[in-house]
């Protein structure tokens, strides 16, 4: 039980140290972190768009479902924001 507590204390200390280092880096270089977050969110939406397109094509019965058009919109919009800046 004591070894478990010591491991938890050590991992908490390491986690706190990482938070301090990351916080200092964000203070010193905020633009890099802002750009990284924007790219991650845009990539996430592009992936969601591709999934919606694929699902829309798989479930096509009486014309194309709304998910297909929503997926196209998300993918095209995020692609433009990522690569055509």
PDB file of N, CA and C in Angstrom:
ATOM      1  N   UNK A   1       0.823  -1.190   0.000  1.00  0.00           N
ATOM      2  CA  UNK A   1       0.000   0.000   0.000  1.00  0.00           C
ATOM      3  C   UNK A   1       0.869   1.257   0.000  1.00  0.00           C
ATOM      4  N   UNK A   2       1.955   1.211   0.754  1.00  0.00           N
ATOM      5  CA  UNK A   2       2.848   2.367   0.803  1.00  0.00           C
ATOM      6  C   UNK A   2       3.523   2.609  -0.541  1.00  0.00           C
ATOM      7  N   UNK A   3       3.847   1.546  -1.268  1.00  0.00           N
ATOM      8  CA  UNK A   3       4.467   1.728  -2.582  1.00  0.00           C
ATOM      9  C   UNK A   3       3.478   2.366  -3.558  1.00  0.00           C
ATOM     10  N   UNK A   4       2.212   2.015  -3.437  1.00  0.00           N
ATOM     11  CA  UNK A   4       1.197   2.618  -4.287  1.00  0.00           C
ATOM     12  C   UNK A   4       1.086   4.117  -4.006  1.00  0.00           C
ATOM     13  N   UNK A   5       1.092   4.489  -2.757  1.00  0.00           N
ATOM     14  CA  UNK A   5       0.999   5.896  -2.381  1.00  0.00           C
ATOM     15  C   UNK A   5       2.240   6.653  -2.873  1.00  0.00           C
ATOM     16  N   UNK A   6       3.406   6.045  -2.738  1.00  0.00           N
ATOM     17  CA  UNK A   6       4.633   6.699  -3.206  1.00  0.00           C
ATOM     18  C   UNK A   6       4.622   6.872  -4.726  1.00  0.00           C
ATOM     19  N   UNK A   7       4.110   5.865  -5.437  1.00  0.00           N
ATOM     20  CA  UNK A   7       4.014   5.994  -6.899  1.00  0.00           C
ATOM     21  C   UNK A   7       3.038   7.096  -7.290  1.00  0.00           C
ATOM     22  N   UNK A   8       1.925   7.177  -6.574  1.00  0.00           N
ATOM     23  CA  UNK A   8       0.963   8.237  -6.863  1.00  0.00           C
ATOM     24  C   UNK A   8       1.550   9.612  -6.569  1.00  0.00           C
ATOM     25  N   UNK A   9       2.289   9.738  -5.478  1.00  0.00           N
ATOM     26  CA  UNK A   9       2.927  11.011  -5.148  1.00  0.00           C
ATOM     27  C   UNK A   9       3.938  11.398  -6.222  1.00  0.00           C
ATOM     28  N   UNK A  10       4.709  10.424  -6.674  1.00  0.00           N
ATOM     29  CA  UNK A  10       5.720  10.686  -7.691  1.00  0.00           C
ATOM     30  C   UNK A  10       5.059  11.092  -9.008  1.00  0.00           C
ATOM     31  N   UNK A  11       4.005  10.385  -9.408  1.00  0.00           N
ATOM     32  CA  UNK A  11       3.342  10.733 -10.667  1.00  0.00           C
ATOM     33  C   UNK A  11       2.655  12.095 -10.560  1.00  0.00           C
ATOM     34  N   UNK A  12       2.132  12.435  -9.388  1.00  0.00           N
ATOM     35  CA  UNK A  12       1.529  13.756  -9.193  1.00  0.00           C
ATOM     36  C   UNK A  12       2.582  14.839  -9.283  1.00  0.00           C
ATOM     37  N   UNK A  13       3.753  14.599  -8.727  1.00  0.00           N
ATOM     38  CA  UNK A  13       4.848  15.566  -8.807  1.00  0.00           C
ATOM     39  C   UNK A  13       5.297  15.759 -10.252  1.00  0.00           C
ATOM     40  N   UNK A  14       5.432  14.657 -10.988  1.00  0.00           N
ATOM     41  CA  UNK A  14       5.840  14.742 -12.397  1.00  0.00           C
ATOM     42  C   UNK A  14       4.783  15.486 -13.197  1.00  0.00           C
ATOM     43  N   UNK A  15       3.511  15.206 -12.934  1.00  0.00           N
ATOM     44  CA  UNK A  15       2.430  15.889 -13.633  1.00  0.00           C
ATOM     45  C   UNK A  15       2.447  17.392 -13.336  1.00  0.00           C
ATOM     46  N   UNK A  16       2.661  17.759 -12.088  1.00  0.00           N
ATOM     47  CA  UNK A  16       2.724  19.174 -11.713  1.00  0.00           C
ATOM     48  C   UNK A  16       3.910  19.862 -12.389  1.00  0.00           C
ATOM     49  N   UNK A  17       5.050  19.190 -12.447  1.00  0.00           N
ATOM     50  CA  UNK A  17       6.220  19.759 -13.106  1.00  0.00           C
ATOM     51  C   UNK A  17       5.958  19.970 -14.601  1.00  0.00           C
ATOM     52  N   UNK A  18       5.286  19.016 -15.243  1.00  0.00           N
ATOM     53  CA  UNK A  18       4.948  19.174 -16.653  1.00  0.00           C
ATOM     54  C   UNK A  18       3.994  20.349 -16.869  1.00  0.00           C
ATOM     55  N   UNK A  19       3.030  20.514 -15.976  1.00  0.00           N
ATOM     56  CA  UNK A  19       2.112  21.647 -16.090  1.00  0.00           C
ATOM     57  C   UNK A  19       2.855  22.969 -15.971  1.00  0.00           C
ATOM     58  N   UNK A  20       3.813  23.041 -15.076  1.00  0.00           N
ATOM     59  CA  UNK A  20       4.590  24.269 -14.920  1.00  0.00           C
ATOM     60  C   UNK A  20       5.398  24.553 -16.177  1.00  0.00           C
ATOM     61  N   UNK A  21       6.044  23.534 -16.715  1.00  0.00           N
ATOM     62  CA  UNK A  21       6.858  23.716 -17.921  1.00  0.00           C
ATOM     63  C   UNK A  21       5.979  24.125 -19.102  1.00  0.00           C
ATOM     64  N   UNK A  22       4.861  23.444 -19.284  1.00  0.00           N
ATOM     65  CA  UNK A  22       3.961  23.781 -20.390  1.00  0.00           C
ATOM     66  C   UNK A  22       3.390  25.183 -20.199  1.00  0.00           C
ATOM     67  N   UNK A  23       3.042  25.540 -18.971  1.00  0.00           N
ATOM     68  CA  UNK A  23       2.537  26.882 -18.694  1.00  0.00           C
ATOM     69  C   UNK A  23       3.559  27.954 -19.023  1.00  0.00           C
ATOM     70  N   UNK A  24       4.811  27.717 -18.660  1.00  0.00           N
ATOM     71  CA  UNK A  24       5.872  28.681 -18.988  1.00  0.00           C
ATOM     72  C   UNK A  24       6.082  28.796 -20.491  1.00  0.00           C
ATOM     73  N   UNK A  25       6.025  27.664 -21.189  1.00  0.00           N
ATOM     74  CA  UNK A  25       6.176  27.701 -22.648  1.00  0.00           C
ATOM     75  C   UNK A  25       5.026  28.459 -23.300  1.00  0.00           C
ATOM     76  N   UNK A  26       3.821  28.293 -22.772  1.00  0.00           N
ATOM     77  CA  UNK A  26       2.674  29.026 -23.317  1.00  0.00           C
ATOM     78  C   UNK A  26       2.839  30.522 -23.070  1.00  0.00           C
ATOM     79  N   UNK A  27       3.357  30.888 -21.915  1.00  0.00           N
ATOM     80  CA  UNK A  27       3.584  32.307 -21.623  1.00  0.00           C
ATOM     81  C   UNK A  27       4.662  32.882 -22.542  1.00  0.00           C
ATOM     82  N   UNK A  28       5.719  32.113 -22.781  1.00  0.00           N
ATOM     83  CA  UNK A  28       6.818  32.606 -23.599  1.00  0.00           C
ATOM     84  C   UNK A  28       6.513  32.582 -25.096  1.00  0.00           C
ATOM     85  N   UNK A  29       5.784  31.556 -25.566  1.00  0.00           N
ATOM     86  CA  UNK A  29       5.505  31.376 -26.993  1.00  0.00           C
ATOM     87  C   UNK A  29       4.013  31.115 -27.220  1.00  0.00           C
ATOM     88  N   UNK A  30       3.166  32.084 -26.945  1.00  0.00           N
ATOM     89  CA  UNK A  30       1.715  31.824 -27.049  1.00  0.00           C
ATOM     90  C   UNK A  30       1.239  31.564 -28.478  1.00  0.00           C
ATOM     91  N   UNK A  31       1.857  32.179 -29.460  1.00  0.00           N
ATOM     92  CA  UNK A  31       1.405  32.031 -30.845  1.00  0.00           C
ATOM     93  C   UNK A  31       1.542  30.589 -31.327  1.00  0.00           C
ATOM     94  N   UNK A  32       2.628  29.934 -30.969  1.00  0.00           N
ATOM     95  CA  UNK A  32       2.852  28.545 -31.382  1.00  0.00           C
ATOM     96  C   UNK A  32       1.759  27.641 -30.821  1.00  0.00           C
ATOM     97  N   UNK A  33       1.434  27.820 -29.543  1.00  0.00           N
ATOM     98  CA  UNK A  33       0.425  26.968 -28.925  1.00  0.00           C
ATOM     99  C   UNK A  33      -0.965  27.285 -29.459  1.00  0.00           C
ATOM    100  N   UNK A  34      -1.252  28.556 -29.720  1.00  0.00           N
ATOM    101  CA  UNK A  34      -2.540  28.922 -30.295  1.00  0.00           C
ATOM    102  C   UNK A  34      -2.692  28.295 -31.678  1.00  0.00           C
ATOM    103  N   UNK A  35      -1.659  28.397 -32.492  1.00  0.00           N
ATOM    104  CA  UNK A  35      -1.708  27.801 -33.826  1.00  0.00           C
ATOM    105  C   UNK A  35      -1.900  26.288 -33.748  1.00  0.00           C
ATOM    106  N   UNK A  36      -1.195  25.644 -32.836  1.00  0.00           N
ATOM    107  CA  UNK A  36      -1.308  24.191 -32.690  1.00  0.00           C
ATOM    108  C   UNK A  36      -2.733  23.799 -32.304  1.00  0.00           C
ATOM    109  N   UNK A  37      -3.332  24.539 -31.396  1.00  0.00           N
ATOM    110  CA  UNK A  37      -4.697  24.228 -30.975  1.00  0.00           C
ATOM    111  C   UNK A  37      -5.668  24.433 -32.130  1.00  0.00           C
ATOM    112  N   UNK A  38      -5.491  25.502 -32.882  1.00  0.00           N
ATOM    113  CA  UNK A  38      -6.365  25.755 -34.038  1.00  0.00           C
ATOM    114  C   UNK A  38      -6.223  24.634 -35.060  1.00  0.00           C
ATOM    115  N   UNK A  39      -5.005  24.199 -35.341  1.00  0.00           N
ATOM    116  CA  UNK A  39      -4.802  23.119 -36.301  1.00  0.00           C
ATOM    117  C   UNK A  39      -5.412  21.810 -35.805  1.00  0.00           C
ATOM    118  N   UNK A  40      -5.289  21.527 -34.518  1.00  0.00           N
ATOM    119  CA  UNK A  40      -5.883  20.300 -33.978  1.00  0.00           C
ATOM    120  C   UNK A  40      -7.398  20.317 -34.093  1.00  0.00           C
ATOM    121  N   UNK A  41      -8.015  21.448 -33.765  1.00  0.00           N
ATOM    122  CA  UNK A  41      -9.474  21.545 -33.863  1.00  0.00           C
ATOM    123  C   UNK A  41      -9.919  21.444 -35.322  1.00  0.00           C
ATOM    124  N   UNK A  42      -9.212  22.115 -36.224  1.00  0.00           N
ATOM    125  CA  UNK A  42      -9.562  22.056 -37.648  1.00  0.00           C
ATOM    126  C   UNK A  42      -9.402  20.636 -38.190  1.00  0.00           C
ATOM    127  N   UNK A  43      -8.351  19.952 -37.798  1.00  0.00           N
ATOM    128  CA  UNK A  43      -8.149  18.568 -38.234  1.00  0.00           C
ATOM    129  C   UNK A  43      -9.251  17.668 -37.685  1.00  0.00           C
ATOM    130  N   UNK A  44      -9.656  17.907 -36.454  1.00  0.00           N
ATOM    131  CA  UNK A  44     -10.744  17.129 -35.847  1.00  0.00           C
ATOM    132  C   UNK A  44     -12.030  17.294 -36.655  1.00  0.00           C
ATOM    133  N   UNK A  45     -12.368  18.530 -36.998  1.00  0.00           N
ATOM    134  CA  UNK A  45     -13.576  18.761 -37.775  1.00  0.00           C
ATOM    135  C   UNK A  45     -13.465  18.190 -39.180  1.00  0.00           C
ATOM    136  N   UNK A  46     -12.275  18.227 -39.766  1.00  0.00           N
ATOM    137  CA  UNK A  46     -12.089  17.628 -41.091  1.00  0.00           C
ATOM    138  C   UNK A  46     -12.310  16.126 -41.024  1.00  0.00           C
ATOM    139  N   UNK A  47     -11.837  15.486 -39.981  1.00  0.00           N
ATOM    140  CA  UNK A  47     -12.036  14.043 -39.814  1.00  0.00           C
ATOM    141  C   UNK A  47     -13.510  13.736 -39.610  1.00  0.00           C
ATOM    142  N   UNK A  48     -14.199  14.546 -38.799  1.00  0.00           N
ATOM    143  CA  UNK A  48     -15.635  14.354 -38.599  1.00  0.00           C
ATOM    144  C   UNK A  48     -16.366  14.505 -39.940  1.00  0.00           C
ATOM    145  N   UNK A  49     -15.937  15.483 -40.734  1.00  0.00           N
ATOM    146  CA  UNK A  49     -16.543  15.673 -42.052  1.00  0.00           C
ATOM    147  C   UNK A  49     -16.354  14.470 -42.952  1.00  0.00           C
ATOM    148  N   UNK A  50     -15.151  13.906 -42.964  1.00  0.00           N
ATOM    149  CA  UNK A  50     -14.906  12.718 -43.788  1.00  0.00           C
ATOM    150  C   UNK A  50     -15.745  11.535 -43.330  1.00  0.00           C
ATOM    151  N   UNK A  51     -15.865  11.361 -42.026  1.00  0.00           N
ATOM    152  CA  UNK A  51     -16.683  10.273 -41.490  1.00  0.00           C
ATOM    153  C   UNK A  51     -18.141  10.467 -41.895  1.00  0.00           C
ATOM    154  N   UNK A  52     -18.644  11.702 -41.814  1.00  0.00           N
ATOM    155  CA  UNK A  52     -20.024  11.966 -42.200  1.00  0.00           C
ATOM    156  C   UNK A  52     -20.242  11.710 -43.689  1.00  0.00           C
ATOM    157  N   UNK A  53     -19.263  12.047 -44.517  1.00  0.00           N
ATOM    158  CA  UNK A  53     -19.374  11.781 -45.950  1.00  0.00           C
ATOM    159  C   UNK A  53     -19.440  10.283 -46.203  1.00  0.00           C
ATOM    160  N   UNK A  54     -18.548   9.538 -45.569  1.00  0.00           N
ATOM    161  CA  UNK A  54     -18.517   8.079 -45.754  1.00  0.00           C
ATOM    162  C   UNK A  54     -19.812   7.448 -45.277  1.00  0.00           C
ATOM    163  N   UNK A  55     -20.308   7.874 -44.102  1.00  0.00           N
ATOM    164  CA  UNK A  55     -21.570   7.335 -43.597  1.00  0.00           C
ATOM    165  C   UNK A  55     -22.724   7.698 -44.510  1.00  0.00           C
ATOM    166  N   UNK A  56     -22.702   8.909 -45.040  1.00  0.00           N
ATOM    167  CA  UNK A  56     -23.768   9.319 -45.949  1.00  0.00           C
ATOM    168  C   UNK A  56     -23.784   8.487 -47.218  1.00  0.00           C
ATOM    169  N   UNK A  57     -22.602   8.174 -47.737  1.00  0.00           N
ATOM    170  CA  UNK A  57     -22.541   7.357 -48.944  1.00  0.00           C
ATOM    171  C   UNK A  57     -22.944   5.914 -48.667  1.00  0.00           C
ATOM    172  N   UNK A  58     -22.650   5.417 -47.498  1.00  0.00           N
ATOM    173  CA  UNK A  58     -23.015   4.033 -47.155  1.00  0.00           C
ATOM    174  C   UNK A  58     -24.509   3.877 -46.966  1.00  0.00           C
ATOM    175  N   UNK A  59     -25.148   4.895 -46.429  1.00  0.00           N
ATOM    176  CA  UNK A  59     -26.570   4.789 -46.099  1.00  0.00           C
ATOM    177  C   UNK A  59     -27.451   5.479 -47.136  1.00  0.00           C
ATOM    178  N   UNK A  60     -26.943   5.637 -48.327  1.00  0.00           N
ATOM    179  CA  UNK A  60     -27.692   6.293 -49.394  1.00  0.00           C
ATOM    180  C   UNK A  60     -28.836   5.380 -49.834  1.00  0.00           C
ATOM    181  N   UNK A  61     -30.058   5.891 -49.745  1.00  0.00           N
ATOM    182  CA  UNK A  61     -31.225   5.119 -50.190  1.00  0.00           C
ATOM    183  C   UNK A  61     -32.020   5.941 -51.198  1.00  0.00           C
ATOM    184  N   UNK A  62     -32.776   6.887 -50.694  1.00  0.00           N
ATOM    185  CA  UNK A  62     -33.590   7.755 -51.551  1.00  0.00           C
ATOM    186  C   UNK A  62     -32.904   9.099 -51.674  1.00  0.00           C
ATOM    187  N   UNK A  63     -31.852   9.160 -52.419  1.00  0.00           N
ATOM    188  CA  UNK A  63     -31.091  10.395 -52.531  1.00  0.00           C
ATOM    189  C   UNK A  63     -30.045  10.449 -51.433  1.00  0.00           C
ATOM    190  N   UNK A  64     -29.328  11.523 -51.402  1.00  0.00           N
ATOM    191  CA  UNK A  64     -28.269  11.670 -50.415  1.00  0.00           C
ATOM    192  C   UNK A  64     -28.835  12.240 -49.118  1.00  0.00           C
ATOM    193  N   UNK A  65     -28.470  11.669 -47.969  1.00  0.00           N
ATOM    194  CA  UNK A  65     -28.974  12.166 -46.689  1.00  0.00           C
ATOM    195  C   UNK A  65     -28.314  13.488 -46.295  1.00  0.00           C
ATOM    196  N   UNK A  66     -28.901  14.139 -45.309  1.00  0.00           N
ATOM    197  CA  UNK A  66     -28.382  15.428 -44.853  1.00  0.00           C
ATOM    198  C   UNK A  66     -26.961  15.312 -44.313  1.00  0.00           C
ATOM    199  N   UNK A  67     -26.628  14.184 -43.718  1.00  0.00           N
ATOM    200  CA  UNK A  67     -25.282  13.982 -43.183  1.00  0.00           C
ATOM    201  C   UNK A  67     -24.206  14.084 -44.247  1.00  0.00           C
ATOM    202  N   UNK A  68     -24.553  13.694 -45.458  1.00  0.00           N
ATOM    203  CA  UNK A  68     -23.591  13.786 -46.552  1.00  0.00           C
ATOM    204  C   UNK A  68     -23.237  15.238 -46.830  1.00  0.00           C
ATOM    205  N   UNK A  69     -24.248  16.081 -46.906  1.00  0.00           N
ATOM    206  CA  UNK A  69     -24.007  17.487 -47.201  1.00  0.00           C
ATOM    207  C   UNK A  69     -23.320  18.186 -46.031  1.00  0.00           C
ATOM    208  N   UNK A  70     -23.707  17.821 -44.818  1.00  0.00           N
ATOM    209  CA  UNK A  70     -23.053  18.377 -43.629  1.00  0.00           C
ATOM    210  C   UNK A  70     -21.585  17.969 -43.597  1.00  0.00           C
ATOM    211  N   UNK A  71     -21.300  16.728 -43.912  1.00  0.00           N
ATOM    212  CA  UNK A  71     -19.924  16.248 -43.942  1.00  0.00           C
ATOM    213  C   UNK A  71     -19.106  16.953 -44.999  1.00  0.00           C
ATOM    214  N   UNK A  72     -19.706  17.146 -46.178  1.00  0.00           N
ATOM    215  CA  UNK A  72     -19.012  17.888 -47.234  1.00  0.00           C
ATOM    216  C   UNK A  72     -18.693  19.301 -46.787  1.00  0.00           C
ATOM    217  N   UNK A  73     -19.657  19.941 -46.167  1.00  0.00           N
ATOM    218  CA  UNK A  73     -19.451  21.307 -45.689  1.00  0.00           C
ATOM    219  C   UNK A  73     -18.306  21.362 -44.682  1.00  0.00           C
ATOM    220  N   UNK A  74     -18.333  20.467 -43.685  1.00  0.00           N
ATOM    221  CA  UNK A  74     -17.278  20.468 -42.670  1.00  0.00           C
ATOM    222  C   UNK A  74     -15.915  20.202 -43.288  1.00  0.00           C
ATOM    223  N   UNK A  75     -15.842  19.212 -44.157  1.00  0.00           N
ATOM    224  CA  UNK A  75     -14.549  18.855 -44.727  1.00  0.00           C
ATOM    225  C   UNK A  75     -13.999  19.988 -45.590  1.00  0.00           C
ATOM    226  N   UNK A  76     -14.813  20.534 -46.470  1.00  0.00           N
ATOM    227  CA  UNK A  76     -14.336  21.593 -47.356  1.00  0.00           C
ATOM    228  C   UNK A  76     -13.942  22.827 -46.565  1.00  0.00           C
ATOM    229  N   UNK A  77     -14.769  23.195 -45.584  1.00  0.00           N
ATOM    230  CA  UNK A  77     -14.474  24.370 -44.778  1.00  0.00           C
ATOM    231  C   UNK A  77     -13.165  24.196 -44.008  1.00  0.00           C
ATOM    232  N   UNK A  78     -12.977  23.075 -43.373  1.00  0.00           N
ATOM    233  CA  UNK A  78     -11.767  22.866 -42.569  1.00  0.00           C
ATOM    234  C   UNK A  78     -10.547  22.686 -43.456  1.00  0.00           C
ATOM    235  N   UNK A  79     -10.719  22.051 -44.598  1.00  0.00           N
ATOM    236  CA  UNK A  79      -9.598  21.921 -45.525  1.00  0.00           C
ATOM    237  C   UNK A  79      -9.121  23.302 -45.958  1.00  0.00           C
ATOM    238  N   UNK A  80     -10.076  24.171 -46.276  1.00  0.00           N
ATOM    239  CA  UNK A  80      -9.708  25.537 -46.668  1.00  0.00           C
ATOM    240  C   UNK A  80      -8.996  26.257 -45.540  1.00  0.00           C
ATOM    241  N   UNK A  81      -9.463  26.096 -44.318  1.00  0.00           N
ATOM    242  CA  UNK A  81      -8.843  26.799 -43.191  1.00  0.00           C
ATOM    243  C   UNK A  81      -7.456  26.234 -42.870  1.00  0.00           C
ATOM    244  N   UNK A  82      -7.272  24.945 -43.090  1.00  0.00           N
ATOM    245  CA  UNK A  82      -5.970  24.341 -42.784  1.00  0.00           C
ATOM    246  C   UNK A  82      -4.922  24.653 -43.848  1.00  0.00           C
ATOM    247  N   UNK A  83      -5.280  24.489 -45.108  1.00  0.00           N
ATOM    248  CA  UNK A  83      -4.262  24.502 -46.146  1.00  0.00           C
ATOM    249  C   UNK A  83      -4.292  25.718 -47.066  1.00  0.00           C
ATOM    250  N   UNK A  84      -5.376  26.445 -47.075  1.00  0.00           N
ATOM    251  CA  UNK A  84      -5.466  27.578 -47.992  1.00  0.00           C
ATOM    252  C   UNK A  84      -5.480  28.904 -47.258  1.00  0.00           C
ATOM    253  N   UNK A  85      -4.763  28.968 -46.168  1.00  0.00           N
ATOM    254  CA  UNK A  85      -4.697  30.166 -45.335  1.00  0.00           C
ATOM    255  C   UNK A  85      -4.067  31.301 -46.039  1.00  0.00           C
TER     256      UNK A  85
END
